[in-house]
Amino acid sequence: MRVRMAPSPTGPLHIGTARTSLYNYLAARHAGGTYVLRIEDTDPARSTDDFERDIIDNLHWLGISWDEGPQVAGGDDIGPHAPYRQSGRMELYGREADRLLETGSAYRCWCTTEELDAVRRDQETKREPPRYNGRCRHLAEAERAAHEAEGRPSVIRFKVEPESVRFDDLVRGEIEFDNALLGDFVIVRNDGMPLYHFVVVIDDEAMGITDVIRGEDHLSNTPKHIALIRALGYREPRFGHIPLILNADRSKMSKRKSQTAITAYREEGYLPEAFVNFMAFLGWSPGTEEEIFSLSELASRFDIAKVHHGGAVFDRDRLDHLNGVYIRAMTDEQLALRVRPWVPEAIRDDDLLRLVPLIKERLVKLGDVPDLIGFVWEPDEVVAGWYGPELLYPKKGGPNEARAALEGAREVLAELDDADFSADVLEQRFREAAEVAGMKAGDFFSPIRVAVTGRTISPPLFASLEMLGRDRSLARVDDARGKLTQVPA
């Protein structure tokens, strides 16, 4: 088996391309085959090195490796079929276009944009499917010669014969198309640039691709590709079309309406191993209740024939769940290394290692770390700006109860010396202070939590106090007390 992934560097790697890449990778590894990365950069106006870098870097981040193709953006190709960028293969495309012209399977078309628009409008009026009307296909030789002598710009169109095309889709089974509905399509623009449908079949043949696994949005392209393959005398690969990825409302995921770029999920702090696990289940399942799989385990189980036909819903809650499972499976040392990019350099590694256990159980993604423990490194005045007086009120109480809790907390903090400033001692003393104040422990702790962390939800309160230390904890309690002086009793 030889499969390929052929992204266009006209935008960042998005979830659809990443999932298709993963399925190709899994199919190749399961079969002991070869996985090829080919860069389809035949749109020079939109293709950029930055987008190529984004695609390659994010595939590496996901752990998806390939056997042939560029390993770094702009770098040399690895493999026997180089170059693996289409911009370096123009001579081959030109030769094959000439061959189609010579055999009569293609022809030059001189129709102008205005003429084509007029045909399209007429078809819309008659409620006919939009397709080329074949005008230049039937030109007399003298007319062709006149156009060429004029120097009139021309495209090259492929002749589509009005026949039925059948193929056995790896995912969907037998599929049949009526090519009479297609019309003759352009394979080379008037500036000599070959187009997608043409170059993709040439490259698949040249690179020995045996299986083409791609999104179902390419299903309607398949009869065009098969027609070209047969006209060129190529071997037909097997085709498999995987379902589209849908939003929760079952609309198609798109760049306009959805977060699709892999970089965005990476920057939020999703783990690559969790994201790969999640993507694998977007259209496929192993047929068991298991949900956690490594890449190698996925490859051993993957079967393209078991990919679902219907659209796969992108469930962010499930992604969050899986990411949390992977986070909690890490050791504290492993997690500290992974969250390091989200923590200021001023926080020492040993302090970070003490913080990690406080957030491990509630951490959903690495990017949540500043929200959960940012109070540790943010200045006191910044934390004080995170809340207003009302947030200090306990659930069952108002400003008076908040004042009582903060006064009690201040007394406890002021009495303790640094040697006794531990989570265990703090909890014991605060519970005693709650009884003295005649308040339930939860209501007593609530204003203190907000004063110290700036949040109503935080890591364990007493461990947070211990991390801050006596002086900073006192300063924050005093800041909160100051906010309540402006609130009437």
Protein backbone atom coordinates (compact mmCIF):
# COMPACT_ATOMS: atom_id res chain seq x y z
CA MET A 1 0.00 0.00 0.00
CA ARG A 2 1.15 3.50 -0.88
CA VAL A 3 -0.97 6.42 0.32
CA ARG A 4 -0.43 10.15 0.16
CA MET A 5 -1.43 13.36 1.82
CA ALA A 6 -1.36 16.33 -0.54
CA PRO A 7 -2.19 19.59 1.25
CA SER A 8 -2.12 22.98 -0.46
CA PRO A 9 -0.02 25.61 1.37
CA THR A 10 -2.72 28.24 0.86
CA GLY A 11 -3.78 28.25 4.50
CA PRO A 12 -2.91 26.71 7.87
CA LEU A 13 -3.41 23.02 8.60
CA HIS A 14 -7.05 22.60 9.57
CA ILE A 15 -8.94 19.86 11.34
CA GLY A 16 -10.29 18.26 8.15
CA THR A 17 -6.88 17.92 6.51
CA ALA A 18 -5.33 16.77 9.79
CA ARG A 19 -7.96 14.02 10.24
CA THR A 20 -7.52 12.90 6.60
CA SER A 21 -3.76 12.86 7.14
CA LEU A 22 -4.22 10.75 10.27
CA TYR A 23 -6.42 8.20 8.49
CA ASN A 24 -3.86 7.88 5.68
CA TYR A 25 -1.11 7.44 8.25
CA LEU A 26 -3.08 4.78 10.16
CA ALA A 27 -3.98 2.89 6.98
CA ALA A 28 -0.35 2.86 5.83
CA ARG A 29 1.04 1.80 9.19
CA HIS A 30 -1.63 -0.90 9.62
CA ALA A 31 -0.75 -2.39 6.23
CA GLY A 32 3.00 -1.91 6.57
CA GLY A 33 2.81 0.46 3.63
CA THR A 34 4.33 3.80 2.65
CA TYR A 35 2.99 7.25 3.50
CA VAL A 36 3.88 10.11 1.13
CA LEU A 37 3.58 13.85 1.81
CA ARG A 38 3.16 15.89 -1.36
CA ILE A 39 2.79 19.67 -1.39
CA GLU A 40 0.26 20.90 -3.95
CA ASP A 41 1.60 24.41 -4.53
CA THR A 42 0.33 25.06 -8.06
CA ASP A 43 -1.45 28.23 -6.92
CA PRO A 44 1.56 30.57 -6.64
CA ALA A 45 -0.56 33.60 -5.76
CA ARG A 46 -1.86 31.97 -2.56
CA SER A 47 0.84 29.42 -1.67
CA THR A 48 3.35 30.58 0.94
CA ASP A 49 6.31 29.16 2.81
CA ASP A 50 4.65 30.14 6.08
CA PHE A 51 1.60 27.99 5.35
CA GLU A 52 3.83 25.09 4.29
CA ARG A 53 5.71 25.48 7.56
CA ASP A 54 2.45 25.52 9.53
CA ILE A 55 1.27 22.31 7.83
CA ILE A 56 4.52 20.40 8.30
CA ASP A 57 5.18 21.63 11.85
CA ASN A 58 1.67 20.74 13.00
CA LEU A 59 1.79 17.28 11.43
CA HIS A 60 5.05 16.71 13.32
CA TRP A 61 3.40 18.04 16.50
CA LEU A 62 0.57 15.52 16.09
CA GLY A 63 3.14 12.74 15.79
CA ILE A 64 2.16 11.93 12.20
CA SER A 65 5.31 10.96 10.30
CA TRP A 66 5.76 10.19 6.62
CA ASP A 67 8.21 8.13 4.62
CA GLU A 68 8.64 10.32 1.53
CA GLY A 69 8.41 14.05 0.94
CA PRO A 70 9.73 17.25 2.54
CA GLN A 71 10.47 16.88 6.25
CA VAL A 72 10.78 20.62 6.92
CA ALA A 73 9.25 23.62 5.18
CA GLY A 74 11.39 24.62 2.22
CA GLY A 75 13.71 21.70 2.90
CA ASP A 76 14.99 18.93 0.66
CA ASP A 77 12.76 16.03 -0.32
CA ILE A 78 13.31 12.50 0.91
CA GLY A 79 12.29 9.64 -1.38
CA PRO A 80 12.70 8.22 -4.88
CA HIS A 81 9.97 10.31 -6.54
CA ALA A 82 11.28 13.82 -5.85
CA PRO A 83 10.39 16.56 -6.25
CA TYR A 84 7.39 16.25 -3.93
CA ARG A 85 6.27 19.83 -4.49
CA GLN A 86 4.11 20.24 -7.56
CA SER A 87 5.82 23.51 -8.48
CA GLY A 88 8.89 21.41 -9.31
CA ARG A 89 7.02 19.00 -11.57
CA MET A 90 5.76 21.36 -14.30
CA GLU A 91 7.73 19.70 -17.10
CA LEU A 92 5.96 16.39 -16.44
CA TYR A 93 2.54 18.04 -16.49
CA GLY A 94 3.34 19.77 -19.77
CA ARG A 95 4.36 16.48 -21.40
CA GLU A 96 1.16 14.76 -20.29
CA ALA A 97 -1.00 17.65 -21.50
CA ASP A 98 0.68 17.43 -24.91
CA ARG A 99 0.03 13.68 -24.96
CA LEU A 100 -3.68 14.19 -24.33
CA LEU A 101 -3.82 16.79 -27.12
CA GLU A 102 -2.02 14.43 -29.51
CA THR A 103 -4.35 11.51 -28.78
CA GLY A 104 -7.44 13.67 -29.12
CA SER A 105 -8.44 13.25 -25.47
CA ALA A 106 -8.10 16.99 -24.90
CA TYR A 107 -8.45 20.13 -26.99
CA ARG A 108 -7.78 23.84 -26.87
CA CYS A 109 -10.67 26.11 -25.97
CA TRP A 110 -10.75 29.80 -26.89
CA CYS A 111 -14.10 30.70 -25.30
CA THR A 112 -13.96 33.99 -23.43
CA THR A 113 -15.18 34.55 -19.89
CA GLU A 114 -18.10 36.56 -21.28
CA GLU A 115 -19.10 33.74 -23.62
CA LEU A 116 -18.93 31.17 -20.84
CA ASP A 117 -20.98 33.40 -18.52
CA ALA A 118 -23.66 33.74 -21.19
CA VAL A 119 -23.84 29.96 -21.58
CA ARG A 120 -24.12 29.54 -17.82
CA ARG A 121 -26.94 32.08 -17.55
CA ASP A 122 -28.81 30.33 -20.35
CA GLN A 123 -28.43 26.99 -18.57
CA GLU A 124 -29.71 28.49 -15.32
CA THR A 125 -32.74 29.90 -17.14
CA LYS A 126 -33.47 26.46 -18.60
CA ARG A 127 -32.71 24.82 -15.23
CA GLU A 128 -30.02 22.70 -16.81
CA PRO A 129 -26.91 21.55 -14.90
CA PRO A 130 -24.02 24.00 -15.44
CA ARG A 131 -21.41 22.53 -17.74
CA TYR A 132 -19.38 23.51 -20.76
CA ASN A 133 -21.45 23.31 -23.95
CA GLY A 134 -18.63 21.86 -26.05
CA ARG A 135 -18.42 24.73 -28.52
CA CYS A 136 -14.64 24.53 -29.09
CA ARG A 137 -14.71 20.75 -29.08
CA HIS A 138 -16.51 20.87 -32.39
CA LEU A 139 -14.56 23.69 -34.06
CA ALA A 140 -13.45 23.11 -37.63
CA GLU A 141 -9.71 22.90 -38.20
CA ALA A 142 -9.77 26.23 -40.03
CA GLU A 143 -11.38 27.96 -37.04
CA ARG A 144 -8.75 26.52 -34.70
CA ALA A 145 -5.96 27.68 -36.99
CA ALA A 146 -7.47 31.17 -37.16
CA HIS A 147 -7.65 31.46 -33.37
CA GLU A 148 -4.04 30.32 -33.02
CA ALA A 149 -2.87 32.73 -35.71
CA GLU A 150 -4.67 35.50 -33.84
CA GLY A 151 -2.74 34.60 -30.69
CA ARG A 152 -6.01 34.32 -28.83
CA PRO A 153 -5.51 32.92 -25.28
CA SER A 154 -6.68 29.33 -24.85
CA VAL A 155 -7.16 26.79 -22.10
CA ILE A 156 -6.91 23.04 -22.50
CA ARG A 157 -10.08 21.07 -21.84
CA PHE A 158 -10.37 17.35 -21.28
CA LYS A 159 -12.93 15.49 -23.39
CA VAL A 160 -15.43 13.75 -21.15
CA GLU A 161 -17.18 10.87 -22.85
CA PRO A 162 -20.90 10.44 -21.98
CA GLU A 163 -20.57 7.14 -20.18
CA SER A 164 -21.26 5.68 -16.77
CA VAL A 165 -18.36 5.33 -14.33
CA ARG A 166 -18.44 2.78 -11.51
CA PHE A 167 -15.92 2.25 -8.74
CA ASP A 168 -15.82 0.40 -5.44
CA ASP A 169 -15.25 2.98 -2.71
CA LEU A 170 -13.23 1.70 0.26
CA VAL A 171 -15.70 3.38 2.65
CA ARG A 172 -19.01 3.56 0.78
CA GLY A 173 -19.04 0.51 -1.46
CA GLU A 174 -20.05 0.64 -5.12
CA ILE A 175 -20.69 4.11 -6.53
CA GLU A 176 -21.83 5.06 -10.02
CA PHE A 177 -21.67 8.42 -11.80
CA ASP A 178 -23.06 9.58 -15.12
CA ASN A 179 -20.22 11.44 -16.84
CA ALA A 180 -22.67 13.04 -19.26
CA LEU A 181 -23.45 15.49 -16.46
CA LEU A 182 -19.85 16.68 -16.15
CA GLY A 183 -19.06 18.50 -19.34
CA ASP A 184 -15.53 18.97 -20.68
CA PHE A 185 -13.44 20.53 -17.90
CA VAL A 186 -10.31 22.68 -17.95
CA ILE A 187 -7.04 20.95 -17.10
CA VAL A 188 -4.59 23.74 -18.07
CA ARG A 189 -5.26 27.47 -17.72
CA ASN A 190 -4.53 30.00 -20.45
CA ASP A 191 -1.30 30.98 -18.64
CA GLY A 192 -0.06 27.39 -18.88
CA MET A 193 -0.69 26.55 -15.22
CA PRO A 194 -2.08 22.99 -14.83
CA LEU A 195 -5.09 22.57 -12.55
CA TYR A 196 -5.80 20.29 -9.62
CA HIS A 197 -7.79 17.52 -11.32
CA PHE A 198 -5.05 17.04 -13.90
CA VAL A 199 -1.92 17.17 -11.78
CA VAL A 200 -3.27 15.05 -8.94
CA VAL A 201 -3.78 11.99 -11.16
CA ILE A 202 -0.37 12.47 -12.81
CA ASP A 203 1.40 12.64 -9.45
CA ASP A 204 -0.51 9.70 -8.01
CA GLU A 205 0.60 7.59 -10.98
CA ALA A 206 4.19 8.84 -10.91
CA MET A 207 4.47 8.19 -7.17
CA GLY A 208 2.85 4.76 -7.31
CA ILE A 209 -0.09 5.68 -5.07
CA THR A 210 -2.31 2.63 -4.62
CA ASP A 211 -4.98 4.05 -2.29
CA VAL A 212 -6.46 7.56 -2.31
CA ILE A 213 -8.12 8.30 1.04
CA ARG A 214 -9.72 11.74 1.17
CA GLY A 215 -12.76 13.70 2.32
CA GLU A 216 -16.19 13.06 0.86
CA ASP A 217 -16.16 16.58 -0.60
CA HIS A 218 -13.86 15.03 -3.24
CA LEU A 219 -16.35 12.30 -4.12
CA SER A 220 -17.79 14.29 -7.03
CA ASN A 221 -14.24 14.76 -8.36
CA THR A 222 -13.63 11.03 -8.64
CA PRO A 223 -15.35 10.47 -12.02
CA LYS A 224 -13.17 13.24 -13.48
CA HIS A 225 -10.07 11.61 -12.06
CA ILE A 226 -11.02 8.15 -13.29
CA ALA A 227 -11.72 9.51 -16.77
CA LEU A 228 -8.29 11.19 -16.85
CA ILE A 229 -6.59 8.07 -15.50
CA ARG A 230 -8.12 5.93 -18.23
CA ALA A 231 -7.31 8.42 -20.99
CA LEU A 232 -3.68 8.56 -19.84
CA GLY A 233 -3.44 4.78 -19.55
CA TYR A 234 -2.67 4.84 -15.84
CA ARG A 235 -3.38 2.20 -13.23
CA GLU A 236 -6.50 3.05 -11.19
CA PRO A 237 -5.90 3.44 -7.45
CA ARG A 238 -8.52 2.45 -4.90
CA PHE A 239 -10.57 5.41 -3.66
CA GLY A 240 -12.00 5.90 -0.18
CA HIS A 241 -14.02 8.95 0.84
CA ILE A 242 -14.30 9.69 4.55
CA PRO A 243 -17.15 11.72 6.09
CA LEU A 244 -17.04 15.46 6.60
CA ILE A 245 -16.54 16.90 10.08
CA LEU A 246 -19.61 18.75 11.33
CA ASN A 247 -20.37 21.36 13.97
CA ALA A 248 -22.62 20.45 16.89
CA ASP A 249 -25.63 21.70 14.88
CA ARG A 250 -24.56 19.33 12.07
CA SER A 251 -23.55 22.17 9.77
CA LYS A 252 -20.25 21.74 7.93
CA MET A 253 -17.21 22.96 9.81
CA SER A 254 -15.77 25.95 8.00
CA LYS A 255 -13.07 28.54 8.57
CA ARG A 256 -15.73 31.24 8.79
CA LYS A 257 -18.00 29.59 11.37
CA SER A 258 -15.70 27.27 13.31
CA GLN A 259 -12.29 27.03 14.87
CA THR A 260 -10.56 24.78 12.36
CA ALA A 261 -6.82 25.59 12.50
CA ILE A 262 -4.73 23.03 14.38
CA THR A 263 -2.45 25.82 15.62
CA ALA A 264 -5.39 27.33 17.54
CA TYR A 265 -6.00 24.07 19.44
CA ARG A 266 -2.28 23.72 20.04
CA GLU A 267 -2.10 27.24 21.48
CA GLU A 268 -5.06 26.51 23.77
CA GLY A 269 -3.05 23.72 25.32
CA TYR A 270 -4.56 20.56 23.92
CA LEU A 271 -2.12 17.66 24.04
CA PRO A 272 -1.17 16.18 20.65
CA GLU A 273 -1.76 12.62 21.85
CA ALA A 274 -5.25 13.54 23.07
CA PHE A 275 -6.04 15.44 19.88
CA VAL A 276 -4.97 12.49 17.71
CA ASN A 277 -7.06 10.14 19.84
CA PHE A 278 -10.04 12.48 19.42
CA MET A 279 -9.57 12.88 15.65
CA ALA A 280 -9.38 9.13 15.12
CA PHE A 281 -12.91 8.82 16.50
CA LEU A 282 -14.27 11.48 14.12
CA GLY A 283 -15.77 8.94 11.74
CA TRP A 284 -14.30 5.65 13.00
CA SER A 285 -14.43 3.51 16.12
CA PRO A 286 -12.68 0.30 17.13
CA GLY A 287 -16.00 -1.36 17.97
CA THR A 288 -15.29 -1.50 21.71
CA GLU A 289 -15.94 0.70 24.75
CA GLU A 290 -12.25 1.65 24.97
CA GLU A 291 -11.50 5.31 24.39
CA ILE A 292 -7.78 5.82 25.06
CA PHE A 293 -5.41 4.74 22.29
CA SER A 294 -1.84 5.62 21.40
CA LEU A 295 -0.94 6.20 17.76
CA SER A 296 0.53 2.72 17.46
CA GLU A 297 -2.57 1.17 19.05
CA LEU A 298 -4.79 3.09 16.65
CA ALA A 299 -2.72 1.85 13.71
CA SER A 300 -3.04 -1.75 14.84
CA ARG A 301 -6.86 -1.45 15.07
CA PHE A 302 -7.62 0.86 12.15
CA ASP A 303 -9.70 -0.44 9.25
CA ILE A 304 -10.74 2.01 6.52
CA ALA A 305 -13.74 -0.21 5.70
CA LYS A 306 -15.14 0.52 9.17
CA VAL A 307 -15.16 4.28 8.70
CA HIS A 308 -18.70 5.62 9.04
CA HIS A 309 -20.64 7.03 6.11
CA GLY A 310 -22.41 9.85 7.97
CA GLY A 311 -20.88 13.15 9.03
CA ALA A 312 -18.75 13.17 12.19
CA VAL A 313 -19.76 15.76 14.80
CA PHE A 314 -16.90 17.71 16.39
CA ASP A 315 -17.77 17.44 20.09
CA ARG A 316 -15.64 19.91 22.05
CA ASP A 317 -16.80 18.41 25.36
CA ARG A 318 -15.44 15.03 24.32
CA LEU A 319 -12.14 16.61 23.29
CA ASP A 320 -11.93 18.33 26.68
CA HIS A 321 -12.71 15.03 28.43
CA LEU A 322 -10.00 13.13 26.55
CA ASN A 323 -7.47 15.89 27.13
CA GLY A 324 -8.22 15.78 30.85
CA VAL A 325 -7.78 12.00 30.92
CA TYR A 326 -4.33 12.33 29.34
CA ILE A 327 -3.38 15.13 31.74
CA ARG A 328 -4.32 13.10 34.81
CA ALA A 329 -2.41 10.09 33.52
CA MET A 330 0.85 12.09 33.65
CA THR A 331 3.22 12.19 36.56
CA ASP A 332 3.57 15.58 38.25
CA GLU A 333 7.03 15.91 36.73
CA GLN A 334 5.70 15.24 33.22
CA LEU A 335 2.87 17.71 33.63
CA ALA A 336 5.18 20.39 35.00
CA LEU A 337 7.29 20.13 31.84
CA ARG A 338 4.21 20.36 29.60
CA VAL A 339 2.71 23.43 31.34
CA ARG A 340 6.04 25.27 31.51
CA PRO A 341 5.34 27.41 28.37
CA TRP A 342 2.24 28.84 30.08
CA VAL A 343 4.08 29.81 33.27
CA PRO A 344 6.41 32.83 33.67
CA GLU A 345 10.13 32.08 33.74
CA ALA A 346 10.30 33.74 37.16
CA ILE A 347 8.44 30.76 38.67
CA ARG A 348 11.12 28.27 39.65
CA ASP A 349 10.84 24.67 38.52
CA ASP A 350 10.58 23.37 42.08
CA ASP A 351 7.75 25.81 42.84
CA LEU A 352 5.96 24.78 39.65
CA LEU A 353 6.28 21.16 40.69
CA ARG A 354 4.54 22.07 43.96
CA LEU A 355 1.75 23.87 42.08
CA VAL A 356 0.97 21.13 39.57
CA PRO A 357 -0.75 18.74 42.03
CA LEU A 358 -3.07 21.58 43.07
CA ILE A 359 -4.57 21.89 39.58
CA LYS A 360 -4.12 18.46 38.05
CA GLU A 361 -7.62 17.20 38.82
CA ARG A 362 -9.43 20.21 37.39
CA LEU A 363 -7.08 21.08 34.52
CA VAL A 364 -8.79 20.62 31.13
CA LYS A 365 -6.10 22.02 28.86
CA LEU A 366 -2.65 23.45 29.44
CA GLY A 367 -3.73 26.94 28.44
CA ASP A 368 -6.04 27.04 31.49
CA VAL A 369 -3.02 27.14 33.81
CA PRO A 370 -2.81 30.97 34.05
CA ASP A 371 -6.49 31.17 35.00
CA LEU A 372 -6.10 28.48 37.66
CA ILE A 373 -2.82 29.49 39.29
CA GLY A 374 -2.00 32.90 37.82
CA PHE A 375 -2.80 34.38 41.24
CA VAL A 376 0.50 32.91 42.45
CA TRP A 377 2.65 35.09 40.20
CA GLU A 378 0.42 38.06 39.46
CA PRO A 379 0.94 41.18 41.61
CA ASP A 380 -1.53 41.68 44.47
CA GLU A 381 -3.09 44.73 42.83
CA VAL A 382 -3.78 42.74 39.64
CA VAL A 383 -5.52 39.96 41.55
CA ALA A 384 -7.55 42.55 43.47
CA GLY A 385 -8.76 43.87 40.11
CA TRP A 386 -10.25 40.50 39.20
CA TYR A 387 -13.24 40.82 41.52
CA GLY A 388 -15.71 43.30 42.95
CA PRO A 389 -17.14 43.44 46.50
CA GLU A 390 -20.17 41.32 45.61
CA LEU A 391 -17.99 38.35 44.70
CA LEU A 392 -16.78 38.29 48.31
CA TYR A 393 -20.24 37.55 49.66
CA PRO A 394 -20.76 33.92 50.70
CA LYS A 395 -23.69 32.01 49.19
CA LYS A 396 -25.69 32.44 52.37
CA GLY A 397 -24.79 35.93 53.38
CA GLY A 398 -23.86 39.44 52.36
CA PRO A 399 -21.24 42.07 53.19
CA ASN A 400 -21.44 41.51 56.96
CA GLU A 401 -20.69 37.80 56.65
CA ALA A 402 -17.87 38.56 54.22
CA ARG A 403 -16.40 41.07 56.70
CA ALA A 404 -16.62 38.52 59.54
CA ALA A 405 -14.82 35.87 57.50
CA LEU A 406 -12.07 38.23 56.37
CA GLU A 407 -11.56 39.61 59.91
CA GLY A 408 -11.29 36.06 61.22
CA ALA A 409 -8.86 35.14 58.46
CA ARG A 410 -6.71 38.17 59.20
CA GLU A 411 -6.44 37.25 62.86
CA VAL A 412 -5.37 33.70 62.00
CA LEU A 413 -2.82 34.82 59.42
CA ALA A 414 -1.36 37.49 61.71
CA GLU A 415 -0.90 35.03 64.59
CA LEU A 416 0.89 32.34 62.58
CA ASP A 417 4.63 32.48 62.05
CA ASP A 418 6.35 31.17 58.95
CA ALA A 419 7.20 27.83 60.56
CA ASP A 420 3.50 27.06 61.15
CA PHE A 421 2.32 28.36 57.77
CA SER A 422 1.33 25.00 56.25
CA ALA A 423 -1.88 23.83 54.61
CA ASP A 424 -2.72 21.46 57.47
CA VAL A 425 -2.27 24.08 60.19
CA LEU A 426 -4.13 26.70 58.17
CA GLU A 427 -7.11 24.42 57.66
CA GLN A 428 -7.33 23.59 61.36
CA ARG A 429 -7.11 27.24 62.45
CA PHE A 430 -9.56 28.48 59.80
CA ARG A 431 -12.13 25.87 60.81
CA GLU A 432 -11.80 26.98 64.41
CA ALA A 433 -12.22 30.62 63.32
CA ALA A 434 -15.38 29.69 61.38
CA GLU A 435 -16.90 28.21 64.54
CA VAL A 436 -16.03 31.33 66.52
CA ALA A 437 -17.71 33.45 63.83
CA GLY A 438 -20.78 31.20 63.94
CA MET A 439 -20.48 30.43 60.21
CA LYS A 440 -20.46 27.22 58.22
CA ALA A 441 -16.97 26.37 56.97
CA GLY A 442 -17.93 26.76 53.29
CA ASP A 443 -19.42 30.22 53.84
CA PHE A 444 -16.40 31.26 55.90
CA PHE A 445 -13.87 30.03 53.33
CA SER A 446 -15.63 31.55 50.29
CA PRO A 447 -14.66 35.24 50.82
CA ILE A 448 -11.11 34.21 51.72
CA ARG A 449 -10.78 32.19 48.52
CA VAL A 450 -11.85 35.17 46.41
CA ALA A 451 -9.57 37.54 48.32
CA VAL A 452 -6.54 35.31 47.90
CA THR A 453 -7.03 33.95 44.36
CA GLY A 454 -9.39 36.48 42.78
CA ARG A 455 -11.67 33.58 41.77
CA THR A 456 -14.65 31.73 43.20
CA ILE A 457 -13.15 28.49 41.89
CA SER A 458 -9.50 27.81 42.57
CA PRO A 459 -7.02 25.16 43.64
CA PRO A 460 -7.41 23.98 47.26
CA LEU A 461 -7.59 27.08 49.47
CA PHE A 462 -5.08 26.13 52.15
CA ALA A 463 -2.47 24.88 49.71
CA SER A 464 -2.94 28.16 47.81
CA LEU A 465 -2.34 30.16 51.00
CA GLU A 466 0.76 28.11 51.74
CA MET A 467 2.10 28.77 48.23
CA LEU A 468 1.54 32.53 48.58
CA GLY A 469 3.06 32.74 52.03
CA ARG A 470 1.97 34.71 55.10
CA ASP A 471 2.77 38.25 53.99
CA ARG A 472 1.16 38.07 50.55
CA SER A 473 -1.89 36.29 51.96
CA LEU A 474 -2.32 39.02 54.58
CA ALA A 475 -1.95 41.76 51.97
CA ARG A 476 -4.67 40.22 49.80
CA VAL A 477 -7.06 39.77 52.71
CA ASP A 478 -6.50 43.44 53.58
CA ASP A 479 -7.20 44.44 49.96
CA ALA A 480 -10.52 42.60 50.15
CA ARG A 481 -11.40 44.16 53.50
CA GLY A 482 -10.74 47.56 51.95
CA LYS A 483 -13.23 46.86 49.18
CA LEU A 484 -15.93 46.12 51.75
CA THR A 485 -15.42 49.39 53.65
CA GLN A 486 -17.28 51.15 50.86
CA VAL A 487 -20.27 48.78 51.12
CA PRO A 488 -22.99 49.62 53.68
CA ALA A 489 -23.68 47.00 56.33
